Amino acid sequence: MEEKDCPVESFKPEDDKKSTPPEIAVADEPFPFFCLLCYADALDWLLMVSGTIGSFVHGMAPAMSYYILGKAVDMFGDNIGNREAIVHQLTKLLPYMWSLAIITLPAGMIEITCWMYTSQRQMTRMQRAYLGSVLSQDVGAFDTDLTTANIMAGTTNHMSVIKDAIGEKMGHFISNFSTFLVAVIVAFVCCWEVGMLSLLVVPMLLVVGATYAKTMIGMSMTRTAFVSETTTVVEQVPTQ
């Protein structure tokens, strides 16, 4: 995906009849999430694929560990009073626990390393493109919209949010989705009644998660606006 795949502006014939300036109309349009990856090159895509695999494997670990723990509890219940039988049965589970630990540790390291490294690389390109775009503007733009506070907010706050979205939230989302998917499969394999019960809780979790995300986004936008306005006032004080 290249920069040209994610156009910044798109106008329709009826836009000329509206009184809203084109810049404001474009700013109000939602930005597609995958267009955040338009600055990724071949190495970044390789890192993101590796990070996705690592996140998926890392997310499988909790569900599989609970599955092995359930097997251990069953062995205790089936061999109550027979210590030698319990030890013999638990010994059979040790290779599975060791294998899970050996696979999960490298997967977690690959997840964190790949996503953080590719997010830093892409954010660096975005900052260069942003600064190049700012420097190519007319001088009059710096007296109206392109204030020092807006430029600093674009290079620091906004870029940090984009970096967190690519480097942290993507890995966490894939890992949590893997945990959910494998846990549901394990629940249906072991006891389908428990699997059906877990699916009934999903709509409530989605509602709570969507409400929390919307609230946090609103608070972040409000904080950024206040910081930008405060920075502008503080910079104007020494000049007066």
Protein backbone atom coordinates (compact mmCIF):
# COMPACT_ATOMS: atom_id res chain seq x y z
CA MET A 1 0.00 0.00 0.00
CA GLU A 2 1.36 3.40 -0.95
CA GLU A 3 0.46 6.95 -0.07
CA LYS A 4 -1.56 7.34 -3.25
CA ASP A 5 -3.84 4.49 -2.19
CA CYS A 6 -5.21 6.65 0.64
CA PRO A 7 -6.35 9.94 -0.88
CA VAL A 8 -6.63 12.79 1.54
CA GLU A 9 -9.34 14.71 -0.30
CA SER A 10 -12.36 13.61 -2.29
CA PHE A 11 -14.86 16.17 -3.54
CA LYS A 12 -18.25 15.64 -5.09
CA PRO A 13 -20.07 17.97 -7.50
CA GLU A 14 -22.55 19.02 -4.87
CA ASP A 15 -19.75 20.14 -2.54
CA ASP A 16 -19.54 23.45 -4.40
CA LYS A 17 -23.00 24.36 -3.25
CA LYS A 18 -22.14 24.05 0.41
CA SER A 19 -20.78 26.89 2.46
CA THR A 20 -18.43 24.63 4.43
CA PRO A 21 -14.79 25.12 3.39
CA PRO A 22 -13.19 22.05 1.77
CA GLU A 23 -10.50 21.82 4.48
CA ILE A 24 -13.10 21.55 7.24
CA ALA A 25 -15.18 19.08 5.26
CA VAL A 26 -12.16 16.83 4.71
CA ALA A 27 -11.13 17.11 8.38
CA ASP A 28 -14.59 15.96 9.48
CA GLU A 29 -14.47 12.83 7.33
CA PRO A 30 -13.50 9.60 9.16
CA PHE A 31 -10.02 8.38 8.31
CA PRO A 32 -9.81 4.66 7.41
CA PHE A 33 -7.77 2.71 9.92
CA PHE A 34 -5.75 0.73 7.39
CA CYS A 35 -4.65 3.98 5.73
CA LEU A 36 -2.41 4.38 8.77
CA LEU A 37 -0.26 1.70 7.15
CA CYS A 38 0.19 3.59 3.87
CA TYR A 39 3.78 4.51 4.85
CA ALA A 40 4.82 0.89 5.35
CA ASP A 41 7.43 -0.63 3.05
CA ALA A 42 8.29 -4.28 2.37
CA LEU A 43 10.28 -4.65 5.59
CA ASP A 44 7.43 -3.15 7.62
CA TRP A 45 4.93 -5.57 6.12
CA LEU A 46 7.27 -8.45 6.95
CA LEU A 47 7.55 -7.19 10.51
CA MET A 48 3.77 -6.81 10.81
CA VAL A 49 3.18 -10.34 9.50
CA SER A 50 5.73 -11.72 11.98
CA GLY A 51 4.17 -9.65 14.76
CA THR A 52 0.71 -10.93 13.85
CA ILE A 53 1.87 -14.55 14.05
CA GLY A 54 3.60 -13.88 17.35
CA SER A 55 0.51 -12.12 18.73
CA PHE A 56 -1.75 -15.00 17.71
CA VAL A 57 0.52 -17.62 19.29
CA HIS A 58 0.96 -15.49 22.40
CA GLY A 59 -2.81 -15.11 22.71
CA MET A 60 -3.34 -18.86 22.55
CA ALA A 61 -1.23 -19.44 25.67
CA PRO A 62 -3.81 -18.48 28.37
CA ALA A 63 -6.54 -20.69 26.93
CA MET A 64 -4.21 -23.64 26.46
CA SER A 65 -2.75 -23.24 29.96
CA TYR A 66 -6.26 -23.33 31.45
CA TYR A 67 -7.00 -26.42 29.38
CA ILE A 68 -3.93 -28.17 30.78
CA LEU A 69 -4.85 -26.99 34.28
CA GLY A 70 -8.30 -28.50 33.84
CA LYS A 71 -6.71 -31.82 32.88
CA ALA A 72 -4.56 -31.67 36.02
CA VAL A 73 -7.62 -31.04 38.20
CA ASP A 74 -9.37 -34.02 36.60
CA MET A 75 -6.38 -36.20 37.41
CA PHE A 76 -6.54 -35.14 41.05
CA GLY A 77 -10.23 -35.97 41.17
CA ASP A 78 -9.84 -39.35 39.49
CA ASN A 79 -7.01 -40.47 41.77
CA ILE A 80 -8.01 -39.22 45.21
CA GLY A 81 -6.06 -41.08 47.90
CA ASN A 82 -3.56 -42.55 45.45
CA ARG A 83 -0.50 -40.34 45.60
CA GLU A 84 1.62 -42.41 43.22
CA ALA A 85 -1.09 -42.39 40.56
CA ILE A 86 -1.48 -38.62 40.86
CA VAL A 87 2.26 -38.06 40.47
CA HIS A 88 2.37 -40.46 37.52
CA GLN A 89 -0.53 -38.74 35.76
CA LEU A 90 0.81 -35.23 36.39
CA THR A 91 4.19 -36.26 35.00
CA LYS A 92 2.49 -36.83 31.65
CA LEU A 93 1.43 -33.16 31.55
CA LEU A 94 4.92 -31.75 32.14
CA PRO A 95 6.03 -31.95 28.48
CA TYR A 96 2.94 -30.00 27.44
CA MET A 97 3.60 -27.30 30.01
CA TRP A 98 7.25 -27.02 29.00
CA SER A 99 6.34 -26.90 25.31
CA LEU A 100 3.77 -24.18 25.94
CA ALA A 101 6.27 -22.10 27.90
CA ILE A 102 9.03 -22.54 25.32
CA ILE A 103 6.71 -21.50 22.47
CA THR A 104 5.01 -18.61 24.28
CA LEU A 105 8.16 -16.76 25.38
CA PRO A 106 9.66 -16.28 21.88
CA ALA A 107 6.20 -15.50 20.48
CA GLY A 108 5.72 -12.69 23.00
CA MET A 109 9.16 -11.28 22.27
CA ILE A 110 8.52 -11.38 18.51
CA GLU A 111 5.14 -9.70 19.00
CA ILE A 112 6.50 -6.77 21.00
CA THR A 113 9.70 -6.32 18.98
CA CYS A 114 8.12 -6.43 15.53
CA TRP A 115 5.14 -4.18 16.27
CA MET A 116 7.17 -1.59 18.17
CA TYR A 117 9.94 -1.47 15.56
CA THR A 118 7.60 -1.14 12.58
CA SER A 119 5.52 1.52 14.34
CA GLN A 120 8.66 3.58 14.98
CA ARG A 121 9.73 3.27 11.34
CA GLN A 122 6.34 4.31 10.01
CA MET A 123 5.99 7.18 12.48
CA THR A 124 9.36 8.55 11.35
CA ARG A 125 8.18 8.62 7.74
CA MET A 126 4.93 10.29 8.77
CA GLN A 127 6.79 12.99 10.67
CA ARG A 128 9.01 13.69 7.66
CA ALA A 129 6.02 13.89 5.34
CA TYR A 130 4.15 16.12 7.79
CA LEU A 131 7.05 18.52 8.21
CA GLY A 132 7.59 18.59 4.45
CA SER A 133 3.92 19.43 3.95
CA VAL A 134 4.08 22.19 6.58
CA LEU A 135 7.20 23.75 5.09
CA SER A 136 5.63 23.77 1.63
CA GLN A 137 2.69 25.94 2.75
CA ASP A 138 2.37 29.64 1.99
CA VAL A 139 3.59 32.15 4.55
CA GLY A 140 0.05 33.35 5.21
CA ALA A 141 -0.98 29.92 6.46
CA PHE A 142 1.25 30.31 9.54
CA ASP A 143 -0.79 33.32 10.63
CA THR A 144 -4.15 31.49 10.55
CA ASP A 145 -4.36 27.71 10.86
CA LEU A 146 -0.73 26.57 11.13
CA THR A 147 0.07 27.95 14.53
CA THR A 148 3.03 26.73 16.52
CA ALA A 149 0.72 24.83 18.86
CA ASN A 150 -0.95 22.99 15.99
CA ILE A 151 2.40 22.08 14.43
CA MET A 152 3.75 20.78 17.76
CA ALA A 153 0.55 18.85 18.41
CA GLY A 154 0.80 17.26 14.97
CA THR A 155 4.43 16.21 15.38
CA THR A 156 4.16 14.97 18.97
CA ASN A 157 0.67 14.20 20.27
CA HIS A 158 -0.91 13.00 17.04
CA MET A 159 2.12 10.98 15.98
CA SER A 160 2.29 9.35 19.42
CA VAL A 161 -1.34 8.28 19.09
CA ILE A 162 -0.62 6.77 15.67
CA LYS A 163 2.45 4.99 17.00
CA ASP A 164 0.45 3.51 19.89
CA ALA A 165 -2.28 2.40 17.49
CA ILE A 166 0.18 0.53 15.27
CA GLY A 167 2.75 -0.62 17.80
CA GLU A 168 0.67 -1.43 20.87
CA LYS A 169 -3.04 -1.68 20.14
CA MET A 170 -2.69 -3.84 17.02
CA GLY A 171 -0.67 -6.45 18.87
CA HIS A 172 -3.00 -6.39 21.88
CA PHE A 173 -6.08 -6.69 19.68
CA ILE A 174 -4.76 -9.71 17.79
CA SER A 175 -3.57 -11.34 21.01
CA ASN A 176 -6.89 -10.79 22.78
CA PHE A 177 -8.84 -11.99 19.73
CA SER A 178 -6.71 -15.13 19.65
CA THR A 179 -7.37 -15.72 23.35
CA PHE A 180 -11.11 -15.31 22.81
CA LEU A 181 -11.20 -17.59 19.74
CA VAL A 182 -9.12 -20.40 21.25
CA ALA A 183 -10.98 -20.17 24.57
CA VAL A 184 -14.35 -20.58 22.82
CA ILE A 185 -13.03 -23.55 20.84
CA VAL A 186 -11.65 -25.19 23.99
CA ALA A 187 -14.94 -24.54 25.79
CA PHE A 188 -16.96 -26.19 23.01
CA VAL A 189 -14.57 -29.16 22.86
CA CYS A 190 -14.63 -29.77 26.62
CA CYS A 191 -18.22 -28.76 27.40
CA TRP A 192 -20.48 -27.22 24.76
CA GLU A 193 -22.83 -25.83 27.43
CA VAL A 194 -20.02 -23.65 28.76
CA GLY A 195 -19.23 -22.56 25.20
CA MET A 196 -22.83 -21.44 24.62
CA LEU A 197 -22.79 -19.58 27.93
CA SER A 198 -19.60 -17.74 26.96
CA LEU A 199 -21.14 -16.65 23.65
CA LEU A 200 -24.04 -15.06 25.51
CA VAL A 201 -21.63 -12.76 27.31
CA VAL A 202 -20.01 -11.49 24.09
CA PRO A 203 -22.68 -8.84 23.23
CA MET A 204 -22.38 -7.28 26.68
CA LEU A 205 -18.59 -7.17 26.40
CA LEU A 206 -18.85 -5.50 22.97
CA VAL A 207 -21.21 -2.84 24.31
CA VAL A 208 -18.97 -2.10 27.29
CA GLY A 209 -15.85 -2.01 25.11
CA ALA A 210 -17.43 0.30 22.52
CA THR A 211 -18.67 2.68 25.21
CA TYR A 212 -15.26 2.76 26.89
CA ALA A 213 -13.45 3.36 23.58
CA LYS A 214 -15.82 6.17 22.58
CA THR A 215 -15.40 7.86 25.95
CA MET A 216 -11.61 7.62 25.85
CA ILE A 217 -11.47 9.00 22.30
CA GLY A 218 -13.64 11.96 23.30
CA MET A 219 -11.46 12.68 26.34
CA SER A 220 -8.29 12.44 24.25
CA MET A 221 -9.61 14.86 21.63
CA THR A 222 -10.69 17.32 24.32
CA ARG A 223 -7.31 17.12 26.05
CA THR A 224 -5.48 17.70 22.76
CA ALA A 225 -7.63 20.76 22.00
CA PHE A 226 -7.00 22.22 25.47
CA VAL A 227 -3.24 21.59 25.22
CA SER A 228 -3.11 23.24 21.79
CA GLU A 229 -5.03 26.30 22.99
CA THR A 230 -2.93 26.58 26.14
CA THR A 231 0.31 26.33 24.18
CA THR A 232 -0.82 29.13 21.89
CA VAL A 233 -1.66 31.41 24.85
CA VAL A 234 1.63 30.65 26.60
CA GLU A 235 3.64 31.44 23.47
CA GLN A 236 1.82 34.75 23.00
CA VAL A 237 2.53 35.97 26.56
CA PRO A 238 6.28 36.70 26.09
CA THR A 239 5.58 38.68 22.90
CA GLN A 240 3.18 41.06 24.63
